C-alpha atoms as a PDB file:
ATOM      1  CA  MET A   1     126.876  92.461 130.523  1.00  0.00           C
ATOM      2  CA  GLN A   2     130.043  92.368 132.605  1.00  0.00           C
ATOM      3  CA  GLY A   3     133.115  93.333 130.639  1.00  0.00           C
ATOM      4  CA  VAL A   4     131.143  94.922 127.807  1.00  0.00           C
ATOM      5  CA  ASP A   5     132.235  98.463 126.987  1.00  0.00           C
ATOM      6  CA  VAL A   6     129.970  99.120 124.010  1.00  0.00           C
ATOM      7  CA  TRP A   7     127.071  97.057 122.682  1.00  0.00           C
ATOM      8  CA  LEU A   8     127.621  96.583 118.960  1.00  0.00           C
ATOM      9  CA  ASN A   9     124.542  95.381 117.088  1.00  0.00           C
ATOM     10  CA  LEU A  10     124.504  95.239 113.317  1.00  0.00           C
ATOM     11  CA  PRO A  11     121.382  93.444 112.102  1.00  0.00           C
ATOM     12  CA  ARG A  12     120.223  94.093 108.606  1.00  0.00           C
ATOM     13  CA  ARG A  13     117.319  96.477 108.789  1.00  0.00           C
ATOM     14  CA  LEU A  14     113.920  94.912 109.379  1.00  0.00           C
ATOM     15  CA  GLU A  15     115.614  91.717 110.596  1.00  0.00           C
ATOM     16  CA  GLU A  16     116.209  92.714 114.225  1.00  0.00           C
ATOM     17  CA  ALA A  17     114.524  90.106 116.405  1.00  0.00           C
ATOM     18  CA  SER A  18     113.546  92.230 119.389  1.00  0.00           C
ATOM     19  CA  GLY A  19     116.583  94.053 120.682  1.00  0.00           C
ATOM     20  CA  THR A  20     116.235  92.958 124.281  1.00  0.00           C
ATOM     21  CA  SER A  21     119.980  92.338 124.585  1.00  0.00           C
ATOM     22  CA  GLY A  22     120.671  95.957 123.622  1.00  0.00           C
ATOM     23  CA  MET A  23     118.065  97.158 126.108  1.00  0.00           C
ATOM     24  CA  LYS A  24     119.641  95.010 128.814  1.00  0.00           C
ATOM     25  CA  ALA A  25     123.064  96.412 127.965  1.00  0.00           C
ATOM     26  CA  ALA A  26     121.754  99.983 128.193  1.00  0.00           C
ATOM     27  CA  LEU A  27     120.052  99.279 131.520  1.00  0.00           C
ATOM     28  CA  ASN A  28     123.451  98.131 132.778  1.00  0.00           C
ATOM     29  CA  GLY A  29     125.209 101.307 131.629  1.00  0.00           C
ATOM     30  CA  THR A  30     126.593 100.080 128.332  1.00  0.00           C
ATOM     31  CA  PRO A  31     126.373 102.507 125.407  1.00  0.00           C
ATOM     32  CA  ASN A  32     124.913 101.114 122.188  1.00  0.00           C
ATOM     33  CA  LEU A  33     126.370 101.314 118.708  1.00  0.00           C
ATOM     34  CA  SER A  34     123.772  99.948 116.331  1.00  0.00           C
ATOM     35  CA  VAL A  35     121.898 100.316 113.099  1.00  0.00           C
ATOM     36  CA  LEU A  36     118.607 102.127 113.470  1.00  0.00           C
ATOM     37  CA  ASP A  37     116.356  99.085 113.588  1.00  0.00           C
ATOM     38  CA  GLY A  38     114.296  97.429 116.274  1.00  0.00           C
ATOM     39  CA  TRP A  39     114.322  99.096 119.663  1.00  0.00           C
ATOM     40  CA  TRP A  40     117.323 101.325 118.852  1.00  0.00           C
ATOM     41  CA  ASP A  41     115.369 103.049 116.084  1.00  0.00           C
ATOM     42  CA  GLU A  42     112.959 104.190 118.792  1.00  0.00           C
ATOM     43  CA  GLY A  43     115.394 104.475 121.682  1.00  0.00           C
ATOM     44  CA  TYR A  44     118.446 106.124 120.130  1.00  0.00           C
ATOM     45  CA  THR A  45     119.668 109.343 121.656  1.00  0.00           C
ATOM     46  CA  PRO A  46     123.124 110.771 120.927  1.00  0.00           C
ATOM     47  CA  GLU A  47     123.772 110.988 124.668  1.00  0.00           C
ATOM     48  CA  ALA A  48     123.362 107.208 125.116  1.00  0.00           C
ATOM     49  CA  GLY A  49     125.272 105.832 122.142  1.00  0.00           C
ATOM     50  CA  TRP A  50     125.735 105.925 118.397  1.00  0.00           C
ATOM     51  CA  ALA A  51     123.501 105.164 115.443  1.00  0.00           C
ATOM     52  CA  ILE A  52     124.200 103.827 111.999  1.00  0.00           C
ATOM     53  CA  PRO A  53     121.411 105.321 109.886  1.00  0.00           C
ATOM     54  CA  GLY A  54     120.149 103.732 106.711  1.00  0.00           C
ATOM     55  CA  THR A  55     121.112 105.238 103.401  1.00  0.00           C
ATOM     56  CA  GLY A  56     118.312 103.908 101.244  1.00  0.00           C
ATOM     57  CA  ALA A  57     120.791 101.942  99.161  1.00  0.00           C
ATOM     58  CA  GLU A  58     119.303 100.021  96.274  1.00  0.00           C
ATOM     59  CA  THR A  59     120.872  96.670  97.172  1.00  0.00           C
ATOM     60  CA  GLN A  60     121.682  94.915 100.397  1.00  0.00           C
ATOM     61  CA  ALA A  61     125.356  94.754  99.413  1.00  0.00           C
ATOM     62  CA  GLU A  62     125.434  98.536  98.946  1.00  0.00           C
ATOM     63  CA  GLN A  63     123.731  99.018 102.323  1.00  0.00           C
ATOM     64  CA  ASP A  64     126.206  96.640 103.992  1.00  0.00           C
ATOM     65  CA  ASP A  65     129.107  98.646 102.538  1.00  0.00           C
ATOM     66  CA  ALA A  66     127.558 101.931 103.664  1.00  0.00           C
ATOM     67  CA  ASP A  67     126.907 100.552 107.167  1.00  0.00           C
ATOM     68  CA  ALA A  68     130.496  99.301 107.421  1.00  0.00           C
ATOM     69  CA  ALA A  69     131.849 102.696 106.392  1.00  0.00           C
ATOM     70  CA  VAL A  70     129.751 104.479 109.028  1.00  0.00           C
ATOM     71  CA  LEU A  71     130.659 101.893 111.676  1.00  0.00           C
ATOM     72  CA  PHE A  72     134.401 102.299 111.149  1.00  0.00           C
ATOM     73  CA  ARG A  73     134.126 106.093 110.995  1.00  0.00           C
ATOM     74  CA  LEU A  74     132.194 106.150 114.282  1.00  0.00           C
ATOM     75  CA  LEU A  75     134.677 103.828 115.953  1.00  0.00           C
ATOM     76  CA  ARG A  76     137.670 105.824 114.726  1.00  0.00           C
ATOM     77  CA  GLU A  77     136.309 109.352 115.227  1.00  0.00           C
ATOM     78  CA  GLU A  78     133.896 109.094 118.164  1.00  0.00           C
ATOM     79  CA  VAL A  79     133.744 105.838 120.121  1.00  0.00           C
ATOM     80  CA  LEU A  80     137.445 105.098 120.622  1.00  0.00           C
ATOM     81  CA  PRO A  81     138.506 108.718 121.295  1.00  0.00           C
ATOM     82  CA  ARG A  82     135.794 109.028 123.947  1.00  0.00           C
ATOM     83  CA  TYR A  83     136.583 105.660 125.525  1.00  0.00           C
ATOM     84  CA  TYR A  84     140.342 106.197 125.693  1.00  0.00           C
ATOM     85  CA  GLY A  85     140.570 109.972 125.937  1.00  0.00           C
ATOM     86  CA  GLU A  86     137.467 111.221 127.711  1.00  0.00           C
ATOM     87  CA  PRO A  87     136.662 108.921 130.647  1.00  0.00           C
ATOM     88  CA  GLU A  88     134.161 111.332 132.189  1.00  0.00           C
ATOM     89  CA  ALA A  89     132.322 111.667 128.868  1.00  0.00           C
ATOM     90  CA  TRP A  90     132.329 107.872 128.493  1.00  0.00           C
ATOM     91  CA  LEU A  91     130.807 107.462 131.952  1.00  0.00           C
ATOM     92  CA  ALA A  92     128.220 110.125 131.100  1.00  0.00           C
ATOM     93  CA  THR A  93     127.272 108.127 127.994  1.00  0.00           C
ATOM     94  CA  GLY A  94     126.738 105.036 130.160  1.00  0.00           C
ATOM     95  CA  ARG A  95     124.638 106.983 132.654  1.00  0.00           C
ATOM     96  CA  ALA A  96     122.552 108.413 129.801  1.00  0.00           C
ATOM     97  CA  ALA A  97     122.016 104.871 128.485  1.00  0.00           C
ATOM     98  CA  ILE A  98     120.643 103.823 131.871  1.00  0.00           C
ATOM     99  CA  ALA A  99     118.458 106.912 132.141  1.00  0.00           C
ATOM    100  CA  SER A 100     116.944 106.697 128.668  1.00  0.00           C
ATOM    101  CA  ALA A 101     116.392 102.931 128.603  1.00  0.00           C
ATOM    102  CA  GLY A 102     115.297 102.823 132.230  1.00  0.00           C
ATOM    103  CA  VAL A 103     112.344 105.071 131.547  1.00  0.00           C
ATOM    104  CA  ARG A 104     111.231 103.939 128.120  1.00  0.00           C
ATOM    105  CA  PHE A 105     112.082 100.246 127.859  1.00  0.00           C
ATOM    106  CA  THR A 106     110.720  98.486 130.909  1.00  0.00           C
ATOM    107  CA  SER A 107     107.973  95.952 131.415  1.00  0.00           C
ATOM    108  CA  HIS A 108     106.158  98.478 133.651  1.00  0.00           C
ATOM    109  CA  ARG A 109     105.913 100.972 130.781  1.00  0.00           C
ATOM    110  CA  MET A 110     105.012  98.226 128.314  1.00  0.00           C
ATOM    111  CA  VAL A 111     102.164  96.832 130.436  1.00  0.00           C
ATOM    112  CA  GLY A 112     100.808 100.340 131.030  1.00  0.00           C
ATOM    113  CA  GLU A 113     100.926 101.142 127.330  1.00  0.00           C
ATOM    114  CA  TYR A 114      99.329  97.828 126.339  1.00  0.00           C
ATOM    115  CA  ALA A 115      96.587  98.333 128.929  1.00  0.00           C
ATOM    116  CA  LYS A 116      95.828 101.832 127.655  1.00  0.00           C
ATOM    117  CA  ARG A 117      96.046 101.037 123.939  1.00  0.00           C
ATOM    118  CA  PHE A 118      94.681  97.485 123.783  1.00  0.00           C
ATOM    119  CA  TYR A 119      93.343  95.855 126.936  1.00  0.00           C
ATOM    120  CA  VAL A 120      91.065  98.627 128.228  1.00  0.00           C
ATOM    121  CA  PRO A 121      89.554  99.418 124.786  1.00  0.00           C
ATOM    122  CA  ALA A 122      88.970  95.676 124.176  1.00  0.00           C
ATOM    123  CA  TYR A 123      87.340  95.310 127.595  1.00  0.00           C
ATOM    124  CA  LEU A 124      85.099  98.354 127.045  1.00  0.00           C
ATOM    125  CA  GLU A 125      84.068  97.110 123.601  1.00  0.00           C
ATOM    126  CA  ALA A 126      83.306  93.626 124.933  1.00  0.00           C
ATOM    127  CA  ARG A 127      81.276  95.114 127.778  1.00  0.00           C
ATOM    128  CA  ALA A 128      79.303  97.298 125.357  1.00  0.00           C
ATOM    129  CA  VAL A 129      78.594  94.298 123.085  1.00  0.00           C
ATOM    130  CA  SER A 130      77.483  92.247 126.090  1.00  0.00           C
ATOM    131  CA  ARG A 131      75.146  95.000 127.278  1.00  0.00           C
ATOM    132  CA  ARG A 132      73.646  95.399 123.794  1.00  0.00           C
ATOM    133  CA  SER A 133      73.030  91.662 123.545  1.00  0.00           C
ATOM    134  CA  ARG A 134      71.226  91.617 126.910  1.00  0.00           C
ATOM    135  CA  ALA A 135      69.144  94.730 126.266  1.00  0.00           C
ATOM    136  CA  PRO A 136      65.396  94.171 125.857  1.00  0.00           C
ATOM    137  CA  ARG A 137      64.208  94.305 122.289  1.00  0.00           C
END
């Protein structure tokens, strides 16, 4: 992530692979500028970067045009003025990216969530089935 000032990610909605590069950028203090898809749909906070929301356009071409318009507006009105004119605010955005991604998007959190939501319930169900099958009839 060295030399990256803002992580720009513009997948078409529902086509984001996983978003791990954006998470990695955030964990290294790089603000994100992305469509709300994949991890950024869940992880976006205005303190840590910028979002390009969907418009519900009827065609992909219309959505692409709408996304481009929002992207250039954000660059012109928010991203570039902060980067060039507000260095302390820019650094705060990077710190917020680290703070928000560092809590929510780590393997530690993921394993804990998977254990709670999937592994433990599956284990308890399997144990209950095993006990029922061994019970005297």
